[in-house]
C-alpha atoms as a PDB file:
ATOM      1  CA  MET A   1      79.763  10.733  57.881  1.00  0.00           C
ATOM      2  CA  LEU A   2      81.764  13.573  58.630  1.00  0.00           C
ATOM      3  CA  GLU A   3      83.864  13.164  61.405  1.00  0.00           C
ATOM      4  CA  PRO A   4      82.884  15.607  64.433  1.00  0.00           C
ATOM      5  CA  SER A   5      86.402  17.211  64.526  1.00  0.00           C
ATOM      6  CA  ARG A   6      85.969  18.123  61.041  1.00  0.00           C
ATOM      7  CA  ALA A   7      82.510  19.107  61.703  1.00  0.00           C
ATOM      8  CA  VAL A   8      82.963  21.780  64.084  1.00  0.00           C
ATOM      9  CA  PRO A   9      86.101  23.735  63.421  1.00  0.00           C
ATOM     10  CA  ARG A  10      86.790  24.666  66.849  1.00  0.00           C
ATOM     11  CA  PRO A  11      90.132  26.023  66.783  1.00  0.00           C
ATOM     12  CA  ALA A  12      89.152  28.281  63.913  1.00  0.00           C
ATOM     13  CA  ALA A  13      85.974  29.695  65.591  1.00  0.00           C
ATOM     14  CA  SER A  14      88.283  30.870  68.751  1.00  0.00           C
ATOM     15  CA  THR A  15      90.965  32.141  66.552  1.00  0.00           C
ATOM     16  CA  GLY A  16      88.338  34.369  65.144  1.00  0.00           C
ATOM     17  CA  THR A  17      87.007  35.582  68.471  1.00  0.00           C
ATOM     18  CA  ARG A  18      90.632  36.459  69.451  1.00  0.00           C
ATOM     19  CA  ARG A  19      90.849  38.518  66.205  1.00  0.00           C
ATOM     20  CA  ARG A  20      87.507  40.374  66.968  1.00  0.00           C
ATOM     21  CA  GLU A  21      88.384  40.834  70.535  1.00  0.00           C
ATOM     22  CA  VAL A  22      91.604  42.443  70.638  1.00  0.00           C
ATOM     23  CA  PRO A  23      90.202  45.901  68.361  1.00  0.00           C
ATOM     24  CA  LEU A  24      87.026  46.086  70.603  1.00  0.00           C
ATOM     25  CA  ALA A  25      89.297  46.414  73.569  1.00  0.00           C
ATOM     26  CA  ALA A  26      91.409  49.200  71.805  1.00  0.00           C
ATOM     27  CA  SER A  27      88.761  51.044  70.661  1.00  0.00           C
ATOM     28  CA  ARG A  28      87.490  51.209  74.249  1.00  0.00           C
ATOM     29  CA  LEU A  29      90.803  52.622  75.452  1.00  0.00           C
ATOM     30  CA  LEU A  30      91.369  55.343  72.973  1.00  0.00           C
ATOM     31  CA  PRO A  31      88.780  57.626  73.825  1.00  0.00           C
ATOM     32  CA  ALA A  32      90.375  57.088  77.418  1.00  0.00           C
ATOM     33  CA  LEU A  33      93.528  57.994  76.105  1.00  0.00           C
ATOM     34  CA  ARG A  34      92.128  60.843  74.267  1.00  0.00           C
ATOM     35  CA  PHE A  35      90.633  62.495  77.422  1.00  0.00           C
ATOM     36  CA  ARG A  36      93.885  62.195  79.089  1.00  0.00           C
ATOM     37  CA  GLN A  37      95.850  63.675  76.667  1.00  0.00           C
ATOM     38  CA  GLU A  38      93.126  66.343  76.669  1.00  0.00           C
ATOM     39  CA  VAL A  39      93.496  67.054  80.246  1.00  0.00           C
ATOM     40  CA  VAL A  40      97.412  67.307  80.213  1.00  0.00           C
ATOM     41  CA  VAL A  41      97.345  69.647  77.022  1.00  0.00           C
ATOM     42  CA  GLY A  42      94.524  71.531  78.887  1.00  0.00           C
ATOM     43  CA  TRP A  43      96.757  71.752  82.543  1.00  0.00           C
ATOM     44  CA  LEU A  44      99.818  72.526  80.637  1.00  0.00           C
ATOM     45  CA  PHE A  45      98.580  75.993  78.383  1.00  0.00           C
ATOM     46  CA  VAL A  46      96.925  76.946  82.126  1.00  0.00           C
ATOM     47  CA  LEU A  47     100.331  76.141  84.158  1.00  0.00           C
ATOM     48  CA  PRO A  48     101.781  79.329  83.378  1.00  0.00           C
ATOM     49  CA  ALA A  49      99.094  81.790  84.641  1.00  0.00           C
ATOM     50  CA  LEU A  50      98.555  79.423  87.374  1.00  0.00           C
ATOM     51  CA  LEU A  51     102.413  80.057  88.291  1.00  0.00           C
ATOM     52  CA  MET A  52     102.171  83.660  87.994  1.00  0.00           C
ATOM     53  CA  TYR A  53      98.761  83.533  90.423  1.00  0.00           C
ATOM     54  CA  ALA A  54     100.307  81.883  92.588  1.00  0.00           C
ATOM     55  CA  ILE A  55     104.069  83.918  93.057  1.00  0.00           C
ATOM     56  CA  PHE A  56     101.936  87.321  92.900  1.00  0.00           C
ATOM     57  CA  VAL A  57      98.657  86.366  94.721  1.00  0.00           C
ATOM     58  CA  LEU A  58      99.336  83.005  96.678  1.00  0.00           C
ATOM     59  CA  TRP A  59     102.479  83.220  98.043  1.00  0.00           C
ATOM     60  CA  PRO A  60     102.097  87.218  99.066  1.00  0.00           C
ATOM     61  CA  LEU A  61      98.852  86.459 100.737  1.00  0.00           C
ATOM     62  CA  ALA A  62     100.465  83.356 102.676  1.00  0.00           C
ATOM     63  CA  LEU A  63     103.451  85.941 104.046  1.00  0.00           C
ATOM     64  CA  THR A  64     100.839  88.486 104.868  1.00  0.00           C
ATOM     65  CA  ILE A  65      98.893  85.974 106.908  1.00  0.00           C
ATOM     66  CA  GLN A  66     101.782  84.948 108.624  1.00  0.00           C
ATOM     67  CA  TYR A  67     103.128  88.548 109.302  1.00  0.00           C
ATOM     68  CA  SER A  68     100.176  89.268 111.004  1.00  0.00           C
ATOM     69  CA  LEU A  69     100.849  86.707 113.464  1.00  0.00           C
ATOM     70  CA  TYR A  70     104.089  88.700 114.793  1.00  0.00           C
ATOM     71  CA  ARG A  71     105.284  92.051 115.872  1.00  0.00           C
ATOM     72  CA  TRP A  72     107.604  93.001 113.116  1.00  0.00           C
ATOM     73  CA  ASP A  73     109.119  96.646 111.782  1.00  0.00           C
ATOM     74  CA  GLY A  74     109.495  94.833 108.568  1.00  0.00           C
ATOM     75  CA  VAL A  75     113.610  94.594 108.946  1.00  0.00           C
ATOM     76  CA  GLY A  76     114.873  93.033 112.050  1.00  0.00           C
ATOM     77  CA  LEU A  77     113.719  89.870 113.694  1.00  0.00           C
ATOM     78  CA  GLY A  78     109.976  89.460 114.217  1.00  0.00           C
ATOM     79  CA  THR A  79     108.640  88.351 117.543  1.00  0.00           C
ATOM     80  CA  TRP A  80     105.739  85.732 117.716  1.00  0.00           C
ATOM     81  CA  VAL A  81     102.508  87.195 119.212  1.00  0.00           C
ATOM     82  CA  GLY A  82      99.963  85.373 118.025  1.00  0.00           C
ATOM     83  CA  TYR A  83      96.454  86.929 117.393  1.00  0.00           C
ATOM     84  CA  SER A  84      97.637  90.132 119.672  1.00  0.00           C
ATOM     85  CA  ASN A  85      97.259  91.939 116.562  1.00  0.00           C
ATOM     86  CA  TYR A  86      93.901  91.005 115.016  1.00  0.00           C
ATOM     87  CA  VAL A  87      92.603  91.729 119.134  1.00  0.00           C
ATOM     88  CA  ALA A  88      94.251  95.140 118.664  1.00  0.00           C
ATOM     89  CA  VAL A  89      92.496  96.357 115.232  1.00  0.00           C
ATOM     90  CA  LEU A  90      89.194  95.037 116.813  1.00  0.00           C
ATOM     91  CA  THR A  91      89.441  96.932 119.829  1.00  0.00           C
ATOM     92  CA  VAL A  92      91.741  99.945 119.102  1.00  0.00           C
ATOM     93  CA  PRO A  93      89.022 102.663 118.540  1.00  0.00           C
ATOM     94  CA  ASP A  94      90.979 104.252 115.615  1.00  0.00           C
ATOM     95  CA  LEU A  95      91.450 101.106 113.597  1.00  0.00           C
ATOM     96  CA  LEU A  96      88.091  99.558 113.957  1.00  0.00           C
ATOM     97  CA  GLU A  97      86.630 103.155 112.838  1.00  0.00           C
ATOM     98  CA  THR A  98      88.305 102.505 109.459  1.00  0.00           C
ATOM     99  CA  ILE A  99      86.678  99.277 109.245  1.00  0.00           C
ATOM    100  CA  PHE A 100      83.556 101.425 109.687  1.00  0.00           C
ATOM    101  CA  ASN A 101      84.030 104.274 107.644  1.00  0.00           C
ATOM    102  CA  SER A 102      84.496 101.924 104.789  1.00  0.00           C
ATOM    103  CA  LEU A 103      81.397 100.379 105.028  1.00  0.00           C
ATOM    104  CA  ARG A 104      79.754 103.963 105.051  1.00  0.00           C
ATOM    105  CA  LEU A 105      81.455 104.588 102.270  1.00  0.00           C
ATOM    106  CA  ALA A 106      80.091 101.562 100.479  1.00  0.00           C
ATOM    107  CA  VAL A 107      76.381 103.376 100.638  1.00  0.00           C
ATOM    108  CA  PHE A 108      78.064 105.613  98.373  1.00  0.00           C
ATOM    109  CA  PHE A 109      80.137 104.017  96.175  1.00  0.00           C
ATOM    110  CA  SER A 110      77.696 101.099  95.760  1.00  0.00           C
ATOM    111  CA  LEU A 111      73.979 101.493  96.356  1.00  0.00           C
ATOM    112  CA  ILE A 112      73.562 105.114  95.032  1.00  0.00           C
ATOM    113  CA  PRO A 113      75.726 104.263  91.693  1.00  0.00           C
ATOM    114  CA  VAL A 114      73.581 101.065  91.363  1.00  0.00           C
ATOM    115  CA  SER A 115      70.455 103.247  91.867  1.00  0.00           C
ATOM    116  CA  LEU A 116      70.972 105.847  90.336  1.00  0.00           C
ATOM    117  CA  GLY A 117      72.414 104.220  87.038  1.00  0.00           C
ATOM    118  CA  LEU A 118      69.133 101.693  86.731  1.00  0.00           C
ATOM    119  CA  VAL A 119      67.575 105.202  86.717  1.00  0.00           C
ATOM    120  CA  VAL A 120      69.673 106.647  84.242  1.00  0.00           C
ATOM    121  CA  ALA A 121      69.991 103.722  81.925  1.00  0.00           C
ATOM    122  CA  SER A 122      66.322 103.142  81.615  1.00  0.00           C
ATOM    123  CA  VAL A 123      65.685 107.005  81.215  1.00  0.00           C
ATOM    124  CA  ILE A 124      68.516 106.774  77.980  1.00  0.00           C
ATOM    125  CA  HIS A 125      66.983 103.069  76.585  1.00  0.00           C
ATOM    126  CA  ARG A 126      63.569 104.465  76.035  1.00  0.00           C
ATOM    127  CA  VAL A 127      64.581 108.143  74.808  1.00  0.00           C
ATOM    128  CA  ALA A 128      68.009 108.306  73.736  1.00  0.00           C
ATOM    129  CA  THR A 129      68.640 106.131  70.732  1.00  0.00           C
ATOM    130  CA  GLY A 130      71.040 105.935  67.990  1.00  0.00           C
ATOM    131  CA  ALA A 131      74.237 108.907  68.127  1.00  0.00           C
ATOM    132  CA  LEU A 132      72.032 110.542  70.931  1.00  0.00           C
ATOM    133  CA  GLY A 133      72.584 107.402  73.157  1.00  0.00           C
ATOM    134  CA  ALA A 134      76.088 106.678  71.862  1.00  0.00           C
ATOM    135  CA  THR A 135      77.264 110.200  73.102  1.00  0.00           C
ATOM    136  CA  ALA A 136      75.480 110.143  76.360  1.00  0.00           C
ATOM    137  CA  ARG A 137      76.986 106.499  77.068  1.00  0.00           C
ATOM    138  CA  THR A 138      80.433 108.264  76.158  1.00  0.00           C
ATOM    139  CA  VAL A 139      79.817 111.349  78.125  1.00  0.00           C
ATOM    140  CA  LEU A 140      78.509 109.095  81.543  1.00  0.00           C
ATOM    141  CA  PHE A 141      81.802 106.582  81.044  1.00  0.00           C
ATOM    142  CA  LEU A 142      84.194 109.223  81.071  1.00  0.00           C
ATOM    143  CA  PRO A 143      84.652 109.768  84.653  1.00  0.00           C
ATOM    144  CA  GLN A 144      85.651 105.778  85.031  1.00  0.00           C
ATOM    145  CA  VAL A 145      88.569 106.639  82.269  1.00  0.00           C
ATOM    146  CA  ILE A 146      90.299 109.609  84.568  1.00  0.00           C
ATOM    147  CA  PRO A 147      92.703 108.265  86.866  1.00  0.00           C
ATOM    148  CA  LEU A 148      91.325 108.302  90.808  1.00  0.00           C
ATOM    149  CA  VAL A 149      94.255 110.447  91.357  1.00  0.00           C
ATOM    150  CA  ALA A 150      93.571 113.182  88.952  1.00  0.00           C
ATOM    151  CA  ALA A 151      89.750 113.182  90.004  1.00  0.00           C
ATOM    152  CA  GLY A 152      90.771 113.407  93.560  1.00  0.00           C
ATOM    153  CA  ILE A 153      93.036 116.434  92.804  1.00  0.00           C
ATOM    154  CA  ILE A 154      90.207 118.019  90.566  1.00  0.00           C
ATOM    155  CA  TRP A 155      87.430 117.484  93.516  1.00  0.00           C
ATOM    156  CA  GLY A 156      89.749 118.640  95.793  1.00  0.00           C
ATOM    157  CA  TRP A 157      89.927 121.905  94.166  1.00  0.00           C
ATOM    158  CA  LEU A 158      85.887 122.096  93.554  1.00  0.00           C
ATOM    159  CA  LEU A 159      85.355 121.467  96.872  1.00  0.00           C
ATOM    160  CA  ALA A 160      88.032 123.751  99.007  1.00  0.00           C
ATOM    161  CA  LEU A 161      86.530 126.553 100.749  1.00  0.00           C
ATOM    162  CA  THR A 162      87.031 129.286  97.586  1.00  0.00           C
ATOM    163  CA  GLY A 163      86.569 126.288  95.390  1.00  0.00           C
ATOM    164  CA  LEU A 164      83.772 126.081  92.595  1.00  0.00           C
ATOM    165  CA  VAL A 165      81.356 124.438  94.629  1.00  0.00           C
ATOM    166  CA  ASN A 166      81.150 127.239  97.431  1.00  0.00           C
ATOM    167  CA  GLU A 167      81.255 129.852  94.657  1.00  0.00           C
ATOM    168  CA  ILE A 168      77.826 128.713  93.244  1.00  0.00           C
ATOM    169  CA  LEU A 169      76.431 128.430  96.218  1.00  0.00           C
ATOM    170  CA  THR A 170      77.304 132.001  97.032  1.00  0.00           C
ATOM    171  CA  ALA A 171      76.112 133.149  94.139  1.00  0.00           C
ATOM    172  CA  ILE A 172      72.641 131.560  94.266  1.00  0.00           C
ATOM    173  CA  GLY A 173      72.431 132.930  97.792  1.00  0.00           C
ATOM    174  CA  LEU A 174      73.234 129.691  99.767  1.00  0.00           C
ATOM    175  CA  HIS A 175      76.664 131.125 101.548  1.00  0.00           C
ATOM    176  CA  ASN A 176      75.357 130.058 104.461  1.00  0.00           C
ATOM    177  CA  LEU A 177      76.056 126.372 103.138  1.00  0.00           C
ATOM    178  CA  ALA A 178      79.396 127.378 101.888  1.00  0.00           C
ATOM    179  CA  ARG A 179      82.027 125.448 103.830  1.00  0.00           C
ATOM    180  CA  ALA A 180      85.497 123.629 103.413  1.00  0.00           C
ATOM    181  CA  TRP A 181      83.510 120.472 102.245  1.00  0.00           C
ATOM    182  CA  LEU A 182      86.788 118.030 102.697  1.00  0.00           C
ATOM    183  CA  GLY A 183      87.839 119.711 105.961  1.00  0.00           C
ATOM    184  CA  ASP A 184      84.792 119.721 108.085  1.00  0.00           C
ATOM    185  CA  PHE A 185      84.464 116.654 110.432  1.00  0.00           C
ATOM    186  CA  ASP A 186      80.512 116.383 109.582  1.00  0.00           C
ATOM    187  CA  THR A 187      80.906 116.511 105.767  1.00  0.00           C
ATOM    188  CA  ALA A 188      84.201 114.946 104.709  1.00  0.00           C
ATOM    189  CA  LEU A 189      83.148 111.377 104.631  1.00  0.00           C
ATOM    190  CA  PRO A 190      79.943 112.372 102.650  1.00  0.00           C
ATOM    191  CA  ALA A 191      81.805 114.511 100.002  1.00  0.00           C
ATOM    192  CA  VAL A 192      84.756 111.712  99.527  1.00  0.00           C
ATOM    193  CA  GLY A 193      81.566 109.645  99.019  1.00  0.00           C
ATOM    194  CA  MET A 194      80.165 111.819  96.174  1.00  0.00           C
ATOM    195  CA  ILE A 195      83.621 111.293  94.319  1.00  0.00           C
ATOM    196  CA  GLY A 196      82.793 108.029  94.322  1.00  0.00           C
ATOM    197  CA  VAL A 197      79.125 108.534  93.175  1.00  0.00           C
ATOM    198  CA  TRP A 198      80.848 110.678  90.260  1.00  0.00           C
ATOM    199  CA  VAL A 199      83.402 107.984  88.969  1.00  0.00           C
ATOM    200  CA  LEU A 200      81.047 104.868  89.321  1.00  0.00           C
ATOM    201  CA  SER A 201      77.994 105.965  88.124  1.00  0.00           C
ATOM    202  CA  GLY A 202      78.930 106.178  84.598  1.00  0.00           C
ATOM    203  CA  PHE A 203      80.339 102.557  85.074  1.00  0.00           C
ATOM    204  CA  CYS A 204      77.243 101.021  86.436  1.00  0.00           C
ATOM    205  CA  THR A 205      75.155 103.092  83.948  1.00  0.00           C
ATOM    206  CA  VAL A 206      76.917 101.736  80.814  1.00  0.00           C
ATOM    207  CA  LEU A 207      76.532  97.990  82.058  1.00  0.00           C
ATOM    208  CA  LEU A 208      72.701  98.302  83.024  1.00  0.00           C
ATOM    209  CA  LEU A 209      72.596  99.751  79.575  1.00  0.00           C
ATOM    210  CA  THR A 210      74.206  96.907  77.877  1.00  0.00           C
ATOM    211  CA  GLY A 211      72.225  94.406  79.873  1.00  0.00           C
ATOM    212  CA  MET A 212      68.863  96.426  79.138  1.00  0.00           C
ATOM    213  CA  SER A 213      69.585  95.970  75.158  1.00  0.00           C
ATOM    214  CA  LYS A 214      69.515  92.193  75.415  1.00  0.00           C
ATOM    215  CA  ILE A 215      65.964  92.050  77.319  1.00  0.00           C
ATOM    216  CA  ASP A 216      63.448  91.088  74.714  1.00  0.00           C
ATOM    217  CA  PRO A 217      61.294  94.218  73.426  1.00  0.00           C
ATOM    218  CA  ALA A 218      58.119  91.488  73.281  1.00  0.00           C
ATOM    219  CA  LEU A 219      58.136  91.822  77.010  1.00  0.00           C
ATOM    220  CA  TYR A 220      57.641  95.644  77.038  1.00  0.00           C
ATOM    221  CA  GLU A 221      55.054  95.315  74.409  1.00  0.00           C
ATOM    222  CA  SER A 222      53.251  92.957  76.321  1.00  0.00           C
ATOM    223  CA  ALA A 223      53.213  94.887  79.560  1.00  0.00           C
ATOM    224  CA  ARG A 224      51.801  98.586  77.755  1.00  0.00           C
ATOM    225  CA  LEU A 225      49.286  95.919  75.987  1.00  0.00           C
ATOM    226  CA  ASP A 226      48.283  95.337  79.643  1.00  0.00           C
ATOM    227  CA  GLY A 227      48.072  98.823  80.322  1.00  0.00           C
ATOM    228  CA  ALA A 228      51.313  98.947  82.571  1.00  0.00           C
ATOM    229  CA  GLY A 229      53.083 102.438  83.253  1.00  0.00           C
ATOM    230  CA  TRP A 230      56.657 103.162  83.044  1.00  0.00           C
ATOM    231  CA  PHE A 231      57.107 102.526  86.859  1.00  0.00           C
ATOM    232  CA  THR A 232      55.492  98.930  86.181  1.00  0.00           C
ATOM    233  CA  GLU A 233      57.691  97.734  83.578  1.00  0.00           C
ATOM    234  CA  PHE A 234      60.706  99.191  85.338  1.00  0.00           C
ATOM    235  CA  LYS A 235      60.090  97.126  88.461  1.00  0.00           C
ATOM    236  CA  ALA A 236      58.605  93.944  86.907  1.00  0.00           C
ATOM    237  CA  ILE A 237      60.562  93.747  83.806  1.00  0.00           C
ATOM    238  CA  THR A 238      63.666  95.613  84.059  1.00  0.00           C
ATOM    239  CA  VAL A 239      64.803  95.171  87.146  1.00  0.00           C
ATOM    240  CA  PRO A 240      64.207  91.203  87.713  1.00  0.00           C
ATOM    241  CA  MET A 241      65.637  90.719  84.252  1.00  0.00           C
ATOM    242  CA  LEU A 242      69.259  92.859  85.493  1.00  0.00           C
ATOM    243  CA  ARG A 243      69.656  90.528  88.114  1.00  0.00           C
ATOM    244  CA  TYR A 244      73.390  89.490  86.788  1.00  0.00           C
ATOM    245  CA  GLU A 245      74.350  93.001  85.494  1.00  0.00           C
ATOM    246  CA  ILE A 246      72.917  94.245  89.088  1.00  0.00           C
ATOM    247  CA  ALA A 247      75.082  91.879  91.045  1.00  0.00           C
ATOM    248  CA  VAL A 248      78.354  92.304  88.961  1.00  0.00           C
ATOM    249  CA  CYS A 249      77.821  96.419  89.530  1.00  0.00           C
ATOM    250  CA  LEU A 250      77.466  96.240  93.317  1.00  0.00           C
ATOM    251  CA  THR A 251      80.271  93.580  93.622  1.00  0.00           C
ATOM    252  CA  VAL A 252      82.547  95.882  91.458  1.00  0.00           C
ATOM    253  CA  THR A 253      81.267  98.866  93.554  1.00  0.00           C
ATOM    254  CA  VAL A 254      81.719  97.211  96.950  1.00  0.00           C
ATOM    255  CA  ILE A 255      85.230  96.276  96.214  1.00  0.00           C
ATOM    256  CA  ALA A 256      85.974  99.742  94.798  1.00  0.00           C
ATOM    257  CA  ALA A 257      84.551 101.145  98.439  1.00  0.00           C
ATOM    258  CA  LEU A 258      86.231  98.695 100.743  1.00  0.00           C
ATOM    259  CA  ALA A 259      89.785  98.892  98.931  1.00  0.00           C
ATOM    260  CA  ALA A 260      89.995 102.856  98.340  1.00  0.00           C
ATOM    261  CA  PHE A 261      93.096 104.523  98.405  1.00  0.00           C
ATOM    262  CA  ASP A 262      93.576 106.561  95.638  1.00  0.00           C
ATOM    263  CA  ILE A 263      90.327 108.995  96.339  1.00  0.00           C
ATOM    264  CA  VAL A 264      90.801 109.014 100.033  1.00  0.00           C
ATOM    265  CA  TYR A 265      94.692 109.710  99.871  1.00  0.00           C
ATOM    266  CA  ILE A 266      94.767 112.749  97.529  1.00  0.00           C
ATOM    267  CA  SER A 267      91.378 114.478  98.721  1.00  0.00           C
ATOM    268  CA  THR A 268      91.838 114.579 102.333  1.00  0.00           C
ATOM    269  CA  GLY A 269      94.946 111.722 103.435  1.00  0.00           C
ATOM    270  CA  GLY A 270      92.612 110.240 105.893  1.00  0.00           C
ATOM    271  CA  GLY A 271      91.411 113.670 107.966  1.00  0.00           C
ATOM    272  CA  PRO A 272      90.318 115.605 109.514  1.00  0.00           C
ATOM    273  CA  GLY A 273      91.341 113.911 112.340  1.00  0.00           C
ATOM    274  CA  HIS A 274      90.158 110.177 111.370  1.00  0.00           C
ATOM    275  CA  ALA A 275      87.190 111.444 110.088  1.00  0.00           C
ATOM    276  CA  THR A 276      87.719 109.552 106.315  1.00  0.00           C
ATOM    277  CA  ALA A 277      90.499 106.825 107.495  1.00  0.00           C
ATOM    278  CA  VAL A 278      90.123 103.792 105.513  1.00  0.00           C
ATOM    279  CA  PRO A 279      91.706 100.600 105.882  1.00  0.00           C
ATOM    280  CA  GLY A 280      93.570 100.492 102.824  1.00  0.00           C
ATOM    281  CA  LEU A 281      94.887 104.279 103.692  1.00  0.00           C
ATOM    282  CA  GLN A 282      95.325 102.808 107.150  1.00  0.00           C
ATOM    283  CA  ILE A 283      97.449  99.807 106.063  1.00  0.00           C
ATOM    284  CA  TYR A 284     100.160 102.021 104.533  1.00  0.00           C
ATOM    285  CA  ILE A 285     100.238 104.183 107.342  1.00  0.00           C
ATOM    286  CA  LEU A 286     100.891 101.311 109.610  1.00  0.00           C
ATOM    287  CA  ALA A 287     103.411  99.491 107.535  1.00  0.00           C
ATOM    288  CA  PHE A 288     105.512 102.347 105.950  1.00  0.00           C
ATOM    289  CA  VAL A 289     105.231 105.241 108.107  1.00  0.00           C
ATOM    290  CA  GLU A 290     105.128 104.062 111.556  1.00  0.00           C
ATOM    291  CA  ARG A 291     106.511 100.151 110.633  1.00  0.00           C
ATOM    292  CA  GLN A 292     104.076  97.948 112.263  1.00  0.00           C
ATOM    293  CA  VAL A 293     103.998  95.592 109.486  1.00  0.00           C
ATOM    294  CA  GLY A 294     102.347  92.585 111.914  1.00  0.00           C
ATOM    295  CA  LEU A 295      99.564  95.088 113.073  1.00  0.00           C
ATOM    296  CA  ALA A 296      98.974  96.262 108.956  1.00  0.00           C
ATOM    297  CA  SER A 297      99.236  92.687 107.936  1.00  0.00           C
ATOM    298  CA  ALA A 298      96.648  91.412 110.475  1.00  0.00           C
ATOM    299  CA  LEU A 299      93.819  94.840 109.599  1.00  0.00           C
ATOM    300  CA  ALA A 300      94.547  93.770 105.482  1.00  0.00           C
ATOM    301  CA  VAL A 301      93.486  90.035 106.423  1.00  0.00           C
ATOM    302  CA  LEU A 302      90.475  91.392 108.466  1.00  0.00           C
ATOM    303  CA  LEU A 303      89.752  93.860 105.233  1.00  0.00           C
ATOM    304  CA  MET A 304      90.162  90.602 102.908  1.00  0.00           C
ATOM    305  CA  LEU A 305      87.739  88.845 104.990  1.00  0.00           C
ATOM    306  CA  LEU A 306      84.930  91.696 105.082  1.00  0.00           C
ATOM    307  CA  VAL A 307      85.277  92.005 101.196  1.00  0.00           C
ATOM    308  CA  LEU A 308      84.993  88.071 100.688  1.00  0.00           C
ATOM    309  CA  ALA A 309      82.128  87.924 103.343  1.00  0.00           C
ATOM    310  CA  ILE A 310      80.276  91.172 101.243  1.00  0.00           C
ATOM    311  CA  VAL A 311      81.071  89.907  97.862  1.00  0.00           C
ATOM    312  CA  ILE A 312      80.532  85.936  97.969  1.00  0.00           C
ATOM    313  CA  PRO A 313      76.671  86.309  98.478  1.00  0.00           C
ATOM    314  CA  LEU A 314      76.640  89.145  95.307  1.00  0.00           C
ATOM    315  CA  GLN A 315      78.389  86.041  93.306  1.00  0.00           C
ATOM    316  CA  TRP A 316      75.373  83.653  94.684  1.00  0.00           C
ATOM    317  CA  LEU A 317      73.144  86.406  93.388  1.00  0.00           C
ATOM    318  CA  SER A 318      74.224  86.290  90.077  1.00  0.00           C
ATOM    319  CA  ARG A 319      74.850  82.660  90.041  1.00  0.00           C
ATOM    320  CA  GLU A 320      70.798  82.702  90.571  1.00  0.00           C
ATOM    321  CA  SER A 321      69.668  85.105  87.516  1.00  0.00           C
ATOM    322  CA  PRO A 322      66.938  84.130  85.606  1.00  0.00           C
ATOM    323  CA  ARG A 323      68.677  84.205  82.350  1.00  0.00           C
END
C-alpha cells in the first residue's frame, strides 16, 4: 500500500505550476511594452514637427493675443488697455468696414468659383475626354500657378481707364459702360472680386473634376435608364457625391477671401477711400505704417476667430461626406 506522500507529489505539482505561470505573465506584458515603445517612437518622429509648429505658429499666436491687450508702438513699453482694442475694432467704422468687405469678397472668391467650377467640371467630365480634357484642365489651372502679385498687376492694366476691357466695350458700342473699374467706389470691390474669381475658378474646377472621376459610372447609367436628364443627374448624383470636394473648395476659397492681401494691395491699395480695404491690408497699415501694433493685433485675432467660425462648420460638412 502506497504512502499518501508518495501517491500525491504535491511539491512537484506546485513547482510545475510556477514554471507555467511565469511565461504566461510575461506574454501578457509583452504587448503592453511593445505598445509603449511604439508610442514613444511615434512621438519622437512627430516631435520635430510639433516643435516647429509651436515656435512658428503657437508662440506668435500667443504673442499676438498678448499684444492685442496693450497699446504699443512696437518699440517702447506697452500700456495695458485690456479689451479696448477689440472695442475699437468693433466700433470704429473704418475698421469694421474692412471685415464686411472681406465677407463681400467671400461671395466672389468662394461662391462664384465653386458654382462655376461645378458646371464647368460637369461639362468637361461629360464632353472633353482624353487629350482634350487634359488640355482643358491645364488651361483652367494656369491662373492658380501665376503669383497673386503678377495677377494683380495684369488685371490692374486690363481694368484701367485705357485698359483692354474698356477698349473692348468701346469697340462694341458700349462706351457708356467704360470706367476706371478699380478706381470707382461702386465697382472697385466687385472688380477685385472678379480677379479672385479668375484666380480660384480653375482650382475649384480641377478639384471637382477629380472628384467626379471617382463617382461610379453605373449611377449615371441607371439614372439615364430611368429617363433622367443632365440637370437631374447633376442635382441628384453629382452634387451629393461631391460633398467632400465642395467642402474643401469652400474652405480654401473662404480663407483666401478673408485673408486677402496681395491682390488688394497691388490692384487698389485699399482704395478708393476704404472701398476695398480688407483686414489683411488694414493690419499691415496699422502695424507697420501707423505703428499701432496693439490695434493691429486685435484685428488679427478677430479675423482668426471669424475664419474659425466659418471654416469649422465646413470641416464638419466634409466629415459628413457620404463617401
